[in-house]
C-alpha atoms as a PDB file:
ATOM      1  CA  MET A   1       2.788   5.008 -19.676  1.00  0.00           C
ATOM      2  CA  PRO A   2       1.720   8.795 -18.772  1.00  0.00           C
ATOM      3  CA  HIS A   3       3.005  10.534 -16.269  1.00  0.00           C
ATOM      4  CA  PRO A   4       1.122  11.786 -13.222  1.00  0.00           C
ATOM      5  CA  THR A   5       2.476  14.973 -11.925  1.00  0.00           C
ATOM      6  CA  ASP A   6       4.923  14.955  -9.397  1.00  0.00           C
ATOM      7  CA  SER A   7       5.266  18.874  -9.151  1.00  0.00           C
ATOM      8  CA  HIS A   8       3.046  21.171  -7.226  1.00  0.00           C
ATOM      9  CA  PRO A   9       2.563  24.756  -8.285  1.00  0.00           C
ATOM     10  CA  ALA A  10       4.435  25.763  -5.501  1.00  0.00           C
ATOM     11  CA  SER A  11       7.317  24.075  -6.281  1.00  0.00           C
ATOM     12  CA  ARG A  12       7.763  23.204  -9.519  1.00  0.00           C
ATOM     13  CA  PRO A  13      11.098  22.932 -11.452  1.00  0.00           C
ATOM     14  CA  THR A  14      12.893  25.610 -12.525  1.00  0.00           C
ATOM     15  CA  SER A  15      14.681  24.593 -15.349  1.00  0.00           C
ATOM     16  CA  PRO A  16      14.356  26.605 -18.956  1.00  0.00           C
ATOM     17  CA  ALA A  17      11.189  26.322 -20.860  1.00  0.00           C
ATOM     18  CA  GLY A  18      11.626  22.858 -23.623  1.00  0.00           C
ATOM     19  CA  SER A  19      14.455  21.393 -21.303  1.00  0.00           C
ATOM     20  CA  ALA A  20      12.605  18.953 -20.324  1.00  0.00           C
ATOM     21  CA  GLY A  21      14.408  15.548 -21.097  1.00  0.00           C
ATOM     22  CA  THR A  22      17.878  17.144 -21.291  1.00  0.00           C
ATOM     23  CA  GLY A  23      19.735  14.595 -19.593  1.00  0.00           C
ATOM     24  CA  ASP A  24      18.190  15.695 -15.383  1.00  0.00           C
ATOM     25  CA  ASP A  25      16.010  13.563 -13.447  1.00  0.00           C
ATOM     26  CA  ARG A  26      13.178  15.106 -13.871  1.00  0.00           C
ATOM     27  CA  SER A  27      11.703  12.432 -15.901  1.00  0.00           C
ATOM     28  CA  THR A  28      12.104   9.664 -13.009  1.00  0.00           C
ATOM     29  CA  ARG A  29      10.591  12.457 -10.535  1.00  0.00           C
ATOM     30  CA  HIS A  30       7.285  12.364 -12.592  1.00  0.00           C
ATOM     31  CA  SER A  31       7.354   8.771 -13.135  1.00  0.00           C
ATOM     32  CA  VAL A  32       4.125   6.702 -12.028  1.00  0.00           C
ATOM     33  CA  GLN A  33       6.516   4.982  -9.164  1.00  0.00           C
ATOM     34  CA  ALA A  34       7.539   7.713  -8.331  1.00  0.00           C
ATOM     35  CA  VAL A  35       4.385   9.453  -7.210  1.00  0.00           C
ATOM     36  CA  ALA A  36       3.489   6.245  -6.388  1.00  0.00           C
ATOM     37  CA  ARG A  37       6.129   6.403  -3.219  1.00  0.00           C
ATOM     38  CA  ARG A  38       5.409  10.198  -3.098  1.00  0.00           C
ATOM     39  CA  THR A  39       1.899   9.160  -1.953  1.00  0.00           C
ATOM     40  CA  VAL A  40       3.279   6.227   0.582  1.00  0.00           C
ATOM     41  CA  ALA A  41       5.427   8.378   2.644  1.00  0.00           C
ATOM     42  CA  LEU A  42       3.043  11.250   2.398  1.00  0.00           C
ATOM     43  CA  VAL A  43       0.029   9.054   3.704  1.00  0.00           C
ATOM     44  CA  ASN A  44       2.765   7.359   6.468  1.00  0.00           C
ATOM     45  CA  ALA A  45       3.328  10.595   8.181  1.00  0.00           C
ATOM     46  CA  LEU A  46       0.194  11.946   8.090  1.00  0.00           C
ATOM     47  CA  THR A  47      -1.815   9.111   9.054  1.00  0.00           C
ATOM     48  CA  THR A  48       0.253   7.211  11.264  1.00  0.00           C
ATOM     49  CA  THR A  49       2.271   9.944  13.223  1.00  0.00           C
ATOM     50  CA  ASP A  50       1.520   9.818  17.091  1.00  0.00           C
ATOM     51  CA  PRO A  51      -0.498  11.932  17.687  1.00  0.00           C
ATOM     52  CA  PRO A  52      -0.955  12.429  13.678  1.00  0.00           C
ATOM     53  CA  HIS A  53      -2.523  15.961  14.053  1.00  0.00           C
ATOM     54  CA  HIS A  54       0.386  17.415  15.335  1.00  0.00           C
ATOM     55  CA  THR A  55       2.889  16.687  12.776  1.00  0.00           C
ATOM     56  CA  PRO A  56       4.398  20.327  11.834  1.00  0.00           C
ATOM     57  CA  PRO A  57       4.478  21.673   8.578  1.00  0.00           C
ATOM     58  CA  THR A  58       8.118  21.709   8.214  1.00  0.00           C
ATOM     59  CA  ALA A  59       8.086  17.725   8.672  1.00  0.00           C
ATOM     60  CA  ILE A  60       5.662  17.573   5.823  1.00  0.00           C
ATOM     61  CA  ALA A  61       7.697  20.096   4.066  1.00  0.00           C
ATOM     62  CA  GLU A  62      10.977  17.892   4.318  1.00  0.00           C
ATOM     63  CA  LEU A  63       9.361  14.853   3.322  1.00  0.00           C
ATOM     64  CA  LEU A  64       8.482  16.542   0.030  1.00  0.00           C
ATOM     65  CA  ARG A  65      11.906  17.951  -0.534  1.00  0.00           C
ATOM     66  CA  GLU A  66      12.774  14.037  -0.169  1.00  0.00           C
ATOM     67  CA  HIS A  67      10.357  13.000  -2.660  1.00  0.00           C
ATOM     68  CA  GLY A  68      11.550  15.804  -5.727  1.00  0.00           C
ATOM     69  CA  GLU A  69      10.116  18.887  -4.699  1.00  0.00           C
ATOM     70  CA  SER A  70      11.604  21.736  -5.441  1.00  0.00           C
ATOM     71  CA  GLU A  71      11.935  25.031  -3.671  1.00  0.00           C
ATOM     72  CA  PRO A  72      10.211  26.934  -3.122  1.00  0.00           C
ATOM     73  CA  ILE A  73       7.875  24.721  -0.299  1.00  0.00           C
ATOM     74  CA  GLN A  74       5.990  26.511   1.946  1.00  0.00           C
ATOM     75  CA  LEU A  75       3.080  24.935   3.738  1.00  0.00           C
ATOM     76  CA  THR A  76       0.774  26.291   6.762  1.00  0.00           C
ATOM     77  CA  PRO A  77      -1.081  24.452   9.537  1.00  0.00           C
ATOM     78  CA  THR A  78      -4.120  24.772   6.963  1.00  0.00           C
ATOM     79  CA  ASP A  79      -1.970  22.755   4.040  1.00  0.00           C
ATOM     80  CA  VAL A  80      -1.144  20.234   5.993  1.00  0.00           C
ATOM     81  CA  THR A  81      -4.834  19.524   7.639  1.00  0.00           C
ATOM     82  CA  ASP A  82      -5.674  19.428   3.942  1.00  0.00           C
ATOM     83  CA  LEU A  83      -3.026  16.939   2.787  1.00  0.00           C
ATOM     84  CA  ARG A  84      -3.751  14.931   5.874  1.00  0.00           C
ATOM     85  CA  ALA A  85      -7.438  15.125   5.025  1.00  0.00           C
ATOM     86  CA  ALA A  86      -6.497  13.582   1.206  1.00  0.00           C
ATOM     87  CA  ALA A  87      -4.108  11.106   2.735  1.00  0.00           C
ATOM     88  CA  LEU A  88      -7.246   9.268   4.738  1.00  0.00           C
ATOM     89  CA  LEU A  89      -9.219   9.008   1.548  1.00  0.00           C
ATOM     90  CA  LEU A  90      -6.327   7.091   0.216  1.00  0.00           C
ATOM     91  CA  ARG A  91      -5.778   4.693   3.016  1.00  0.00           C
ATOM     92  CA  PRO A  92      -8.730   2.919   1.770  1.00  0.00           C
ATOM     93  CA  VAL A  93      -6.648   2.359  -1.378  1.00  0.00           C
ATOM     94  CA  PHE A  94      -4.045   0.309   0.687  1.00  0.00           C
ATOM     95  CA  ALA A  95      -6.685  -2.001   2.511  1.00  0.00           C
ATOM     96  CA  ALA A  96      -8.393  -2.755  -0.253  1.00  0.00           C
ATOM     97  CA  GLU A  97      -8.182  -6.723  -0.436  1.00  0.00           C
ATOM     98  CA  ASP A  98      -8.481  -7.004  -4.321  1.00  0.00           C
ATOM     99  CA  VAL A  99      -8.517  -5.223  -7.535  1.00  0.00           C
ATOM    100  CA  ASP A 100     -12.168  -5.003  -7.731  1.00  0.00           C
ATOM    101  CA  ALA A 101     -12.055  -3.073  -4.297  1.00  0.00           C
ATOM    102  CA  ALA A 102      -8.854  -0.832  -4.832  1.00  0.00           C
ATOM    103  CA  ALA A 103     -10.565   0.054  -8.381  1.00  0.00           C
ATOM    104  CA  GLY A 104     -13.558   0.863  -6.523  1.00  0.00           C
ATOM    105  CA  VAL A 105     -11.935   2.840  -3.950  1.00  0.00           C
ATOM    106  CA  LEU A 106     -10.003   5.077  -6.869  1.00  0.00           C
ATOM    107  CA  ASN A 107     -13.861   5.778  -8.631  1.00  0.00           C
ATOM    108  CA  ARG A 108     -14.985   6.646  -5.768  1.00  0.00           C
ATOM    109  CA  LEU A 109     -12.008   9.339  -5.563  1.00  0.00           C
ATOM    110  CA  LEU A 110     -11.468  10.228  -8.895  1.00  0.00           C
ATOM    111  CA  ARG A 111     -15.531  11.020  -8.802  1.00  0.00           C
ATOM    112  CA  ARG A 112     -13.948  14.258  -6.317  1.00  0.00           C
ATOM    113  CA  SER A 113     -11.786  15.522  -9.170  1.00  0.00           C
ATOM    114  CA  ARG A 114     -12.261  19.285  -9.426  1.00  0.00           C
ATOM    115  CA  GLY A 115     -10.808  19.422 -12.957  1.00  0.00           C
ATOM    116  CA  ALA A 116     -10.896  17.753 -15.792  1.00  0.00           C
ATOM    117  CA  LEU A 117      -8.262  15.188 -17.102  1.00  0.00           C
ATOM    118  CA  ARG A 118      -5.496  17.873 -19.123  1.00  0.00           C
ATOM    119  CA  LEU A 119      -2.187  17.545 -19.896  1.00  0.00           C
ATOM    120  CA  THR A 120       0.569  20.191 -18.734  1.00  0.00           C
ATOM    121  CA  SER A 121       4.134  20.809 -18.753  1.00  0.00           C
ATOM    122  CA  HIS A 122       3.869  24.119 -16.684  1.00  0.00           C
ATOM    123  CA  ALA A 123       4.895  26.167 -19.547  1.00  0.00           C
ATOM    124  CA  GLY A 124       8.091  23.741 -20.483  1.00  0.00           C
ATOM    125  CA  ARG A 125       9.289  23.551 -16.870  1.00  0.00           C
ATOM    126  CA  SER A 126       8.713  19.936 -16.561  1.00  0.00           C
ATOM    127  CA  PRO A 127       7.506  16.630 -18.611  1.00  0.00           C
ATOM    128  CA  TRP A 128       4.127  16.685 -19.966  1.00  0.00           C
ATOM    129  CA  HIS A 129       1.884  15.080 -17.227  1.00  0.00           C
ATOM    130  CA  PRO A 130      -1.343  14.726 -16.856  1.00  0.00           C
ATOM    131  CA  HIS A 131      -3.261  16.525 -13.932  1.00  0.00           C
ATOM    132  CA  LEU A 132      -6.771  15.800 -12.375  1.00  0.00           C
ATOM    133  CA  ASP A 133      -6.953  18.917 -10.125  1.00  0.00           C
ATOM    134  CA  SER A 134      -8.555  22.109 -10.947  1.00  0.00           C
ATOM    135  CA  ASP A 135      -5.496  24.165 -11.664  1.00  0.00           C
ATOM    136  CA  ASP A 136      -2.026  23.862 -11.980  1.00  0.00           C
ATOM    137  CA  ASP A 137      -1.641  26.427  -9.079  1.00  0.00           C
ATOM    138  CA  ALA A 138      -4.661  24.184  -6.808  1.00  0.00           C
ATOM    139  CA  PRO A 139      -3.965  24.084  -3.620  1.00  0.00           C
ATOM    140  CA  TRP A 140      -1.917  21.523  -1.699  1.00  0.00           C
ATOM    141  CA  GLY A 141      -4.468  18.993  -0.687  1.00  0.00           C
ATOM    142  CA  GLU A 142      -6.398  18.849  -3.746  1.00  0.00           C
ATOM    143  CA  TRP A 143      -3.143  18.236  -6.085  1.00  0.00           C
ATOM    144  CA  PHE A 144      -1.575  15.523  -3.612  1.00  0.00           C
ATOM    145  CA  LEU A 145      -5.162  14.069  -3.911  1.00  0.00           C
ATOM    146  CA  ALA A 146      -5.510  13.774  -7.488  1.00  0.00           C
ATOM    147  CA  SER A 147      -1.834  13.133  -8.326  1.00  0.00           C
ATOM    148  CA  SER A 148      -1.871   9.960  -5.977  1.00  0.00           C
ATOM    149  CA  CYS A 149      -4.822   8.791  -7.432  1.00  0.00           C
ATOM    150  CA  LEU A 150      -3.757   9.045 -11.255  1.00  0.00           C
ATOM    151  CA  ALA A 151      -0.756   7.389 -10.265  1.00  0.00           C
ATOM    152  CA  LEU A 152      -2.048   4.605  -8.204  1.00  0.00           C
ATOM    153  CA  THR A 153      -5.060   4.129 -11.039  1.00  0.00           C
ATOM    154  CA  MET A 154      -2.014   3.723 -13.435  1.00  0.00           C
ATOM    155  CA  LEU A 155      -0.571   0.947 -10.806  1.00  0.00           C
ATOM    156  CA  VAL A 156      -3.889  -0.755 -11.120  1.00  0.00           C
ATOM    157  CA  TRP A 157      -4.645  -0.583 -14.864  1.00  0.00           C
ATOM    158  CA  ASP A 158      -0.775  -1.955 -15.673  1.00  0.00           C
ATOM    159  CA  ARG A 159      -0.584  -4.726 -12.761  1.00  0.00           C
ATOM    160  CA  GLN A 160      -4.507  -5.688 -12.801  1.00  0.00           C
ATOM    161  CA  ARG A 161      -3.792  -5.866  -9.092  1.00  0.00           C
ATOM    162  CA  PRO A 162      -3.966  -3.771  -6.063  1.00  0.00           C
ATOM    163  CA  PRO A 163      -1.909  -1.284  -5.879  1.00  0.00           C
ATOM    164  CA  GLY A 164      -0.266  -1.945  -2.425  1.00  0.00           C
ATOM    165  CA  GLY A 165      -1.212  -2.824   1.323  1.00  0.00           C
ATOM    166  CA  ILE A 166      -0.938  -2.214   4.352  1.00  0.00           C
ATOM    167  CA  CYS A 167       1.488  -3.552   6.602  1.00  0.00           C
ATOM    168  CA  ALA A 168       0.441  -7.099   8.365  1.00  0.00           C
ATOM    169  CA  SER A 169       2.859  -6.182  11.115  1.00  0.00           C
ATOM    170  CA  PRO A 170       0.009  -5.066  14.196  1.00  0.00           C
ATOM    171  CA  SER A 171       2.710  -2.668  15.588  1.00  0.00           C
ATOM    172  CA  CYS A 172       3.359  -1.062  12.357  1.00  0.00           C
ATOM    173  CA  ARG A 173       0.159  -0.522   9.742  1.00  0.00           C
ATOM    174  CA  HIS A 174       2.081   1.711   6.835  1.00  0.00           C
ATOM    175  CA  VAL A 175       0.687   1.746   3.850  1.00  0.00           C
ATOM    176  CA  TYR A 176       3.260   0.149   0.691  1.00  0.00           C
ATOM    177  CA  THR A 177       3.056  -0.227  -2.840  1.00  0.00           C
ATOM    178  CA  ASN A 178       3.623  -3.948  -4.576  1.00  0.00           C
ATOM    179  CA  GLU A 179       6.437  -2.753  -7.013  1.00  0.00           C
ATOM    180  CA  GLY A 180       7.598  -5.101  -9.771  1.00  0.00           C
ATOM    181  CA  SER A 181       5.988  -8.463 -11.070  1.00  0.00           C
ATOM    182  CA  GLY A 182       6.407 -10.625  -7.696  1.00  0.00           C
ATOM    183  CA  PRO A 183       4.114 -12.218  -5.196  1.00  0.00           C
ATOM    184  CA  PRO A 184       1.793  -9.643  -3.603  1.00  0.00           C
ATOM    185  CA  ARG A 185       3.767  -8.298  -0.300  1.00  0.00           C
ATOM    186  CA  ARG A 186       2.576  -8.307   3.532  1.00  0.00           C
ATOM    187  CA  TYR A 187       5.374  -6.067   4.846  1.00  0.00           C
ATOM    188  CA  CYS A 188       5.607  -2.759   3.952  1.00  0.00           C
ATOM    189  CA  SER A 189       9.900  -3.344   5.209  1.00  0.00           C
ATOM    190  CA  ARG A 190      12.182  -6.416   5.607  1.00  0.00           C
ATOM    191  CA  ARG A 191      12.272  -5.134   8.869  1.00  0.00           C
ATOM    192  CA  CYS A 192       8.963  -5.584   9.920  1.00  0.00           C
ATOM    193  CA  ALA A 193       8.544  -9.002   8.331  1.00  0.00           C
ATOM    194  CA  THR A 194      11.700  -9.730  10.155  1.00  0.00           C
ATOM    195  CA  ARG A 195      10.644  -8.740  13.164  1.00  0.00           C
ATOM    196  CA  GLU A 196       7.047 -10.553  12.611  1.00  0.00           C
ATOM    197  CA  ARG A 197       8.957 -13.733  12.001  1.00  0.00           C
ATOM    198  CA  VAL A 198      10.870 -13.778  15.245  1.00  0.00           C
ATOM    199  CA  ALA A 199       7.823 -13.052  17.426  1.00  0.00           C
ATOM    200  CA  ALA A 200       6.179 -16.175  15.487  1.00  0.00           C
ATOM    201  CA  HIS A 201       9.314 -18.032  16.292  1.00  0.00           C
ATOM    202  CA  ARG A 202       9.571 -17.235  20.173  1.00  0.00           C
ATOM    203  CA  ARG A 203       5.701 -18.005  20.355  1.00  0.00           C
ATOM    204  CA  ALA A 204       6.089 -21.212  18.960  1.00  0.00           C
ATOM    205  CA  HIS A 205       8.464 -22.196  21.243  1.00  0.00           C
ATOM    206  CA  ALA A 206       7.142 -20.272  24.436  1.00  0.00           C
END
């Protein structure tokens, strides 16, 4: 399976050219699952924060670091606005009720791509992986939407089911990915599942 990009041009690994795959964690950071997890984290941070429009650039930069992006990461308020716009476009992929609906949303987003599908290694500083943005130096929002669409598309292709969902807990509504081949999840975390199970038990015995 190809590896969607996990490294924005402003935060590429700085290892010497030709060193990809020499035992570091770059292949893991470029994996489909890693990019999907980064997508989930950013979509949740940018669309469910209360109020979402007050999310500071420093918080989003730190989230990118937590998901493997390397320094320097310098985000402006405009960058965060663009990232949030991309996150709002991605939420319907997780809201899709079946694989056909998810594929339809992804096809619409893929048509928004500003670049042709290409492979890049960022001059040997990363494993080879596909890009759909207009350039290796594309803006943050464009990069995030393109790389996320690639990762979610690969999950649909590989598993023939929606790539994830939206937490069934009314007090949460975070997005999540379905990992592995088990039954689809309904909650983003065990915490939410337990909270709703306890609430249902209390209602039944009220």
